[in-house]
Amino acid sequence: DAFEIAKNNDATIVGIYDIVKEADEKGLKTELMNIGGPIKVKNWEIRLVPATHSGNPIGFVLKKDKTIYHAGDTGLFMDMMLIGEYNIDVALLPIGGRYTMDIEQALEACKLLK
């Protein structure tokens, strides 16, 4: 549970309104953002990027020494080509096949991300 981990490690919850609101109610440190420009948290540059799924899906691009893309709960979508412009070193992709990408789509996502 992200909230429990954040509480035990004095970590900051970064996210969209729904997540940050709940974290605030639990007394956790938070940073509210939306898709767009970056913020800095403990020497990490953090950007929220689009994802494709129901609800308010987002992904994260995290940059410090390397650039990490956490796709979130998403399917394959063409904006991954734009996300690849951040020169991704590590991509964390959801591969489940029913509600997210299957293995073939994940391989295609890797091509779009470069």
N, C-alpha and C. Protein backbone atom coordinates (compact mmCIF):
# COMPACT_ATOMS: atom_id res chain seq x y z
N ASP A 1 0.84 -1.18 0.00
CA ASP A 1 0.00 0.00 0.00
C ASP A 1 0.89 1.25 0.00
N ALA A 2 0.72 2.08 -1.00
CA ALA A 2 1.57 3.26 -1.17
C ALA A 2 1.49 4.20 0.02
N PHE A 3 0.31 4.36 0.60
CA PHE A 3 0.16 5.28 1.72
C PHE A 3 0.94 4.79 2.94
N GLU A 4 0.89 3.50 3.20
CA GLU A 4 1.62 2.93 4.33
C GLU A 4 3.13 3.04 4.12
N ILE A 5 3.57 2.77 2.90
CA ILE A 5 5.00 2.90 2.58
C ILE A 5 5.44 4.35 2.75
N ALA A 6 4.64 5.29 2.25
CA ALA A 6 4.98 6.71 2.39
C ALA A 6 5.06 7.12 3.86
N LYS A 7 4.11 6.66 4.65
CA LYS A 7 4.09 6.99 6.08
C LYS A 7 5.33 6.45 6.77
N ASN A 8 5.70 5.21 6.49
CA ASN A 8 6.83 4.56 7.16
C ASN A 8 8.19 5.09 6.71
N ASN A 9 8.23 5.76 5.57
CA ASN A 9 9.51 6.22 5.01
C ASN A 9 9.59 7.73 4.83
N ASP A 10 8.63 8.45 5.39
CA ASP A 10 8.59 9.90 5.26
C ASP A 10 8.67 10.34 3.79
N ALA A 11 7.99 9.58 2.94
CA ALA A 11 7.99 9.85 1.50
C ALA A 11 6.84 10.79 1.13
N THR A 12 6.96 11.40 -0.03
CA THR A 12 5.95 12.31 -0.55
C THR A 12 5.11 11.59 -1.60
N ILE A 13 3.79 11.68 -1.48
CA ILE A 13 2.87 11.15 -2.48
C ILE A 13 2.70 12.22 -3.56
N VAL A 14 3.01 11.87 -4.80
CA VAL A 14 2.88 12.77 -5.93
C VAL A 14 1.78 12.23 -6.83
N GLY A 15 0.84 13.07 -7.23
CA GLY A 15 -0.19 12.57 -8.12
C GLY A 15 -1.28 13.58 -8.42
N ILE A 16 -2.32 13.05 -9.04
CA ILE A 16 -3.47 13.86 -9.40
C ILE A 16 -4.36 14.08 -8.18
N TYR A 17 -5.36 14.91 -8.34
CA TYR A 17 -6.20 15.37 -7.24
C TYR A 17 -6.76 14.23 -6.39
N ASP A 18 -7.37 13.22 -7.00
CA ASP A 18 -8.03 12.16 -6.24
C ASP A 18 -7.06 11.47 -5.27
N ILE A 19 -5.88 11.15 -5.74
CA ILE A 19 -4.88 10.46 -4.92
C ILE A 19 -4.35 11.38 -3.83
N VAL A 20 -4.00 12.60 -4.21
CA VAL A 20 -3.43 13.55 -3.26
C VAL A 20 -4.44 13.92 -2.18
N LYS A 21 -5.69 14.07 -2.54
CA LYS A 21 -6.73 14.39 -1.56
C LYS A 21 -6.80 13.32 -0.49
N GLU A 22 -6.82 12.06 -0.90
CA GLU A 22 -6.88 10.95 0.05
C GLU A 22 -5.62 10.91 0.93
N ALA A 23 -4.46 11.14 0.32
CA ALA A 23 -3.21 11.15 1.09
C ALA A 23 -3.19 12.30 2.09
N ASP A 24 -3.68 13.47 1.67
CA ASP A 24 -3.76 14.62 2.58
C ASP A 24 -4.62 14.29 3.80
N GLU A 25 -5.74 13.62 3.55
CA GLU A 25 -6.64 13.25 4.65
C GLU A 25 -5.97 12.31 5.64
N LYS A 26 -4.97 11.57 5.19
CA LYS A 26 -4.23 10.65 6.06
C LYS A 26 -3.01 11.32 6.69
N GLY A 27 -2.83 12.61 6.42
CA GLY A 27 -1.74 13.36 7.02
C GLY A 27 -0.39 13.16 6.37
N LEU A 28 -0.37 12.69 5.14
CA LEU A 28 0.89 12.43 4.43
C LEU A 28 1.37 13.67 3.69
N LYS A 29 2.67 13.71 3.41
CA LYS A 29 3.22 14.78 2.58
C LYS A 29 2.80 14.52 1.14
N THR A 30 2.40 15.59 0.44
CA THR A 30 1.89 15.43 -0.92
C THR A 30 2.40 16.53 -1.84
N GLU A 31 2.37 16.22 -3.12
CA GLU A 31 2.60 17.18 -4.20
C GLU A 31 1.53 16.94 -5.25
N LEU A 32 0.66 17.91 -5.43
CA LEU A 32 -0.41 17.82 -6.42
C LEU A 32 0.12 18.25 -7.77
N MET A 33 -0.18 17.47 -8.79
CA MET A 33 0.18 17.84 -10.15
C MET A 33 -0.85 17.31 -11.13
N ASN A 34 -0.61 17.62 -12.38
CA ASN A 34 -1.41 17.11 -13.47
C ASN A 34 -0.46 16.89 -14.64
N ILE A 35 -0.98 16.38 -15.74
CA ILE A 35 -0.16 16.17 -16.93
C ILE A 35 0.38 17.52 -17.37
N GLY A 36 1.68 17.57 -17.61
CA GLY A 36 2.30 18.82 -18.03
C GLY A 36 3.71 18.95 -17.53
N GLY A 37 4.03 20.16 -17.07
CA GLY A 37 5.39 20.48 -16.66
C GLY A 37 5.86 19.71 -15.44
N PRO A 38 7.18 19.71 -15.24
CA PRO A 38 7.75 18.91 -14.15
C PRO A 38 7.74 19.64 -12.81
N ILE A 39 7.89 18.84 -11.75
CA ILE A 39 8.19 19.36 -10.42
C ILE A 39 9.45 18.64 -9.95
N LYS A 40 10.07 19.18 -8.91
CA LYS A 40 11.24 18.55 -8.30
C LYS A 40 10.87 18.09 -6.90
N VAL A 41 11.17 16.83 -6.59
CA VAL A 41 10.98 16.28 -5.26
C VAL A 41 12.25 15.49 -4.92
N LYS A 42 12.97 15.94 -3.90
CA LYS A 42 14.19 15.26 -3.44
C LYS A 42 15.13 14.91 -4.59
N ASN A 43 15.46 15.90 -5.39
CA ASN A 43 16.39 15.77 -6.52
C ASN A 43 15.86 14.92 -7.67
N TRP A 44 14.59 14.56 -7.66
CA TRP A 44 13.96 13.86 -8.78
C TRP A 44 13.12 14.86 -9.56
N GLU A 45 13.25 14.85 -10.89
CA GLU A 45 12.34 15.60 -11.75
C GLU A 45 11.20 14.64 -12.08
N ILE A 46 9.97 15.07 -11.81
CA ILE A 46 8.80 14.21 -11.99
C ILE A 46 7.83 14.88 -12.95
N ARG A 47 7.40 14.12 -13.95
CA ARG A 47 6.37 14.58 -14.89
C ARG A 47 5.25 13.55 -14.91
N LEU A 48 4.03 14.03 -14.98
CA LEU A 48 2.89 13.15 -15.24
C LEU A 48 2.65 13.17 -16.74
N VAL A 49 2.39 11.99 -17.29
CA VAL A 49 2.15 11.86 -18.72
C VAL A 49 0.86 11.08 -18.93
N PRO A 50 0.26 11.18 -20.12
CA PRO A 50 -0.99 10.47 -20.37
C PRO A 50 -0.84 8.96 -20.28
N ALA A 51 -1.95 8.32 -20.01
CA ALA A 51 -2.11 6.87 -20.11
C ALA A 51 -3.50 6.66 -20.70
N THR A 52 -3.77 5.47 -21.17
CA THR A 52 -5.07 5.19 -21.78
C THR A 52 -5.74 4.06 -21.01
N HIS A 53 -6.81 4.41 -20.29
CA HIS A 53 -7.54 3.44 -19.48
C HIS A 53 -8.78 4.15 -18.98
N SER A 54 -9.62 3.47 -18.22
CA SER A 54 -10.79 4.12 -17.65
C SER A 54 -10.37 4.99 -16.46
N GLY A 55 -11.25 5.87 -16.04
CA GLY A 55 -10.94 6.75 -14.92
C GLY A 55 -10.03 7.89 -15.35
N ASN A 56 -9.11 8.26 -14.48
CA ASN A 56 -8.15 9.34 -14.75
C ASN A 56 -6.74 8.76 -14.78
N PRO A 57 -6.41 8.02 -15.82
CA PRO A 57 -5.11 7.34 -15.83
C PRO A 57 -3.96 8.29 -16.10
N ILE A 58 -2.83 8.01 -15.47
CA ILE A 58 -1.61 8.77 -15.70
C ILE A 58 -0.42 7.82 -15.65
N GLY A 59 0.66 8.27 -16.24
CA GLY A 59 1.94 7.61 -16.10
C GLY A 59 2.91 8.62 -15.52
N PHE A 60 4.10 8.16 -15.18
CA PHE A 60 5.13 9.02 -14.61
C PHE A 60 6.41 8.90 -15.41
N VAL A 61 7.09 10.02 -15.61
CA VAL A 61 8.47 10.03 -16.09
C VAL A 61 9.29 10.62 -14.96
N LEU A 62 10.22 9.82 -14.45
CA LEU A 62 11.05 10.19 -13.30
C LEU A 62 12.49 10.31 -13.77
N LYS A 63 13.12 11.44 -13.46
CA LYS A 63 14.49 11.64 -13.94
C LYS A 63 15.39 12.07 -12.80
N LYS A 64 16.50 11.38 -12.68
CA LYS A 64 17.58 11.77 -11.77
C LYS A 64 18.85 11.51 -12.55
N ASP A 65 19.55 10.43 -12.29
CA ASP A 65 20.72 10.07 -13.10
C ASP A 65 20.27 9.36 -14.38
N LYS A 66 19.22 8.60 -14.27
CA LYS A 66 18.59 7.88 -15.39
C LYS A 66 17.14 8.35 -15.49
N THR A 67 16.49 7.99 -16.59
CA THR A 67 15.09 8.35 -16.79
C THR A 67 14.25 7.09 -16.78
N ILE A 68 13.25 7.07 -15.90
CA ILE A 68 12.37 5.92 -15.72
C ILE A 68 10.96 6.32 -16.15
N TYR A 69 10.35 5.47 -16.95
CA TYR A 69 8.95 5.67 -17.34
C TYR A 69 8.12 4.59 -16.67
N HIS A 70 7.19 5.00 -15.82
CA HIS A 70 6.22 4.08 -15.22
C HIS A 70 4.91 4.35 -15.93
N ALA A 71 4.48 3.42 -16.77
CA ALA A 71 3.34 3.64 -17.66
C ALA A 71 2.01 3.71 -16.93
N GLY A 72 1.94 3.21 -15.70
CA GLY A 72 0.67 3.16 -15.01
C GLY A 72 -0.21 2.07 -15.59
N ASP A 73 -1.49 2.16 -15.34
CA ASP A 73 -2.46 1.18 -15.81
C ASP A 73 -2.92 1.63 -17.19
N THR A 74 -2.33 1.06 -18.24
CA THR A 74 -2.58 1.59 -19.58
C THR A 74 -2.54 0.50 -20.64
N GLY A 75 -3.11 0.83 -21.75
CA GLY A 75 -2.94 0.05 -22.97
C GLY A 75 -1.93 0.77 -23.86
N LEU A 76 -1.67 0.19 -25.00
CA LEU A 76 -0.77 0.77 -25.99
C LEU A 76 -1.44 2.01 -26.60
N PHE A 77 -0.68 3.10 -26.76
CA PHE A 77 -1.21 4.29 -27.42
C PHE A 77 -0.06 5.05 -28.07
N MET A 78 -0.38 5.79 -29.11
CA MET A 78 0.65 6.41 -29.94
C MET A 78 1.44 7.51 -29.24
N ASP A 79 0.90 8.13 -28.20
CA ASP A 79 1.66 9.15 -27.48
C ASP A 79 2.90 8.57 -26.80
N MET A 80 3.01 7.26 -26.74
CA MET A 80 4.23 6.65 -26.21
C MET A 80 5.44 7.07 -27.05
N MET A 81 5.20 7.38 -28.32
CA MET A 81 6.28 7.87 -29.17
C MET A 81 6.80 9.21 -28.64
N LEU A 82 5.89 10.09 -28.21
CA LEU A 82 6.29 11.38 -27.64
C LEU A 82 6.96 11.19 -26.28
N ILE A 83 6.44 10.28 -25.48
CA ILE A 83 7.04 10.00 -24.17
C ILE A 83 8.47 9.50 -24.36
N GLY A 84 8.71 8.77 -25.43
CA GLY A 84 10.06 8.29 -25.74
C GLY A 84 11.06 9.41 -25.95
N GLU A 85 10.58 10.62 -26.27
CA GLU A 85 11.47 11.77 -26.45
C GLU A 85 12.19 12.16 -25.16
N TYR A 86 11.74 11.64 -24.02
CA TYR A 86 12.42 11.89 -22.75
C TYR A 86 13.64 10.99 -22.57
N ASN A 87 13.99 10.22 -23.62
CA ASN A 87 15.17 9.33 -23.58
C ASN A 87 15.09 8.36 -22.40
N ILE A 88 14.09 7.52 -22.44
CA ILE A 88 13.80 6.56 -21.37
C ILE A 88 14.92 5.53 -21.26
N ASP A 89 15.42 5.33 -20.04
CA ASP A 89 16.41 4.27 -19.78
C ASP A 89 15.73 2.98 -19.33
N VAL A 90 14.67 3.12 -18.53
CA VAL A 90 13.94 1.97 -18.00
C VAL A 90 12.46 2.25 -18.16
N ALA A 91 11.72 1.29 -18.72
CA ALA A 91 10.26 1.42 -18.86
C ALA A 91 9.59 0.31 -18.06
N LEU A 92 8.67 0.71 -17.20
CA LEU A 92 7.86 -0.24 -16.44
C LEU A 92 6.48 -0.27 -17.09
N LEU A 93 6.18 -1.38 -17.76
CA LEU A 93 4.95 -1.50 -18.53
C LEU A 93 4.03 -2.55 -17.91
N PRO A 94 2.71 -2.29 -17.89
CA PRO A 94 1.78 -3.28 -17.36
C PRO A 94 1.46 -4.31 -18.45
N ILE A 95 1.69 -5.56 -18.16
CA ILE A 95 1.43 -6.61 -19.14
C ILE A 95 0.50 -7.63 -18.49
N GLY A 96 -0.76 -7.57 -18.85
CA GLY A 96 -1.74 -8.49 -18.30
C GLY A 96 -2.60 -9.10 -19.38
N GLY A 97 -2.86 -8.32 -20.43
CA GLY A 97 -3.57 -8.84 -21.58
C GLY A 97 -5.07 -8.66 -21.56
N ARG A 98 -5.68 -8.45 -20.43
CA ARG A 98 -7.12 -8.25 -20.43
C ARG A 98 -7.47 -6.78 -20.23
N TYR A 99 -6.89 -6.16 -19.23
CA TYR A 99 -7.18 -4.76 -18.94
C TYR A 99 -6.00 -3.85 -19.29
N THR A 100 -4.89 -4.44 -19.65
CA THR A 100 -3.69 -3.70 -20.03
C THR A 100 -3.13 -4.35 -21.29
N MET A 101 -1.89 -4.04 -21.61
CA MET A 101 -1.26 -4.59 -22.81
C MET A 101 -1.00 -6.09 -22.67
N ASP A 102 -1.01 -6.77 -23.81
CA ASP A 102 -0.49 -8.14 -23.83
C ASP A 102 0.98 -8.05 -24.24
N ILE A 103 1.65 -9.16 -24.34
CA ILE A 103 3.09 -9.15 -24.60
C ILE A 103 3.41 -8.52 -25.96
N GLU A 104 2.60 -8.79 -26.98
CA GLU A 104 2.86 -8.21 -28.30
C GLU A 104 2.72 -6.69 -28.27
N GLN A 105 1.70 -6.21 -27.57
CA GLN A 105 1.52 -4.76 -27.47
C GLN A 105 2.64 -4.12 -26.65
N ALA A 106 3.12 -4.81 -25.62
CA ALA A 106 4.23 -4.29 -24.82
C ALA A 106 5.50 -4.19 -25.67
N LEU A 107 5.72 -5.16 -26.54
CA LEU A 107 6.87 -5.09 -27.45
C LEU A 107 6.72 -3.91 -28.40
N GLU A 108 5.51 -3.66 -28.86
CA GLU A 108 5.25 -2.50 -29.72
C GLU A 108 5.46 -1.20 -28.95
N ALA A 109 5.05 -1.18 -27.68
CA ALA A 109 5.27 0.00 -26.83
C ALA A 109 6.76 0.29 -26.71
N CYS A 110 7.56 -0.75 -26.56
CA CYS A 110 9.02 -0.56 -26.47
C CYS A 110 9.57 0.08 -27.74
N LYS A 111 9.04 -0.31 -28.88
CA LYS A 111 9.48 0.30 -30.15
C LYS A 111 9.11 1.78 -30.19
N LEU A 112 7.90 2.11 -29.72
CA LEU A 112 7.47 3.51 -29.71
C LEU A 112 8.30 4.35 -28.75
N LEU A 113 8.67 3.75 -27.63
CA LEU A 113 9.47 4.45 -26.62
C LEU A 113 10.94 4.55 -27.01
N LYS A 114 11.36 3.75 -28.01
CA LYS A 114 12.73 3.66 -28.52
C LYS A 114 13.61 2.97 -27.53
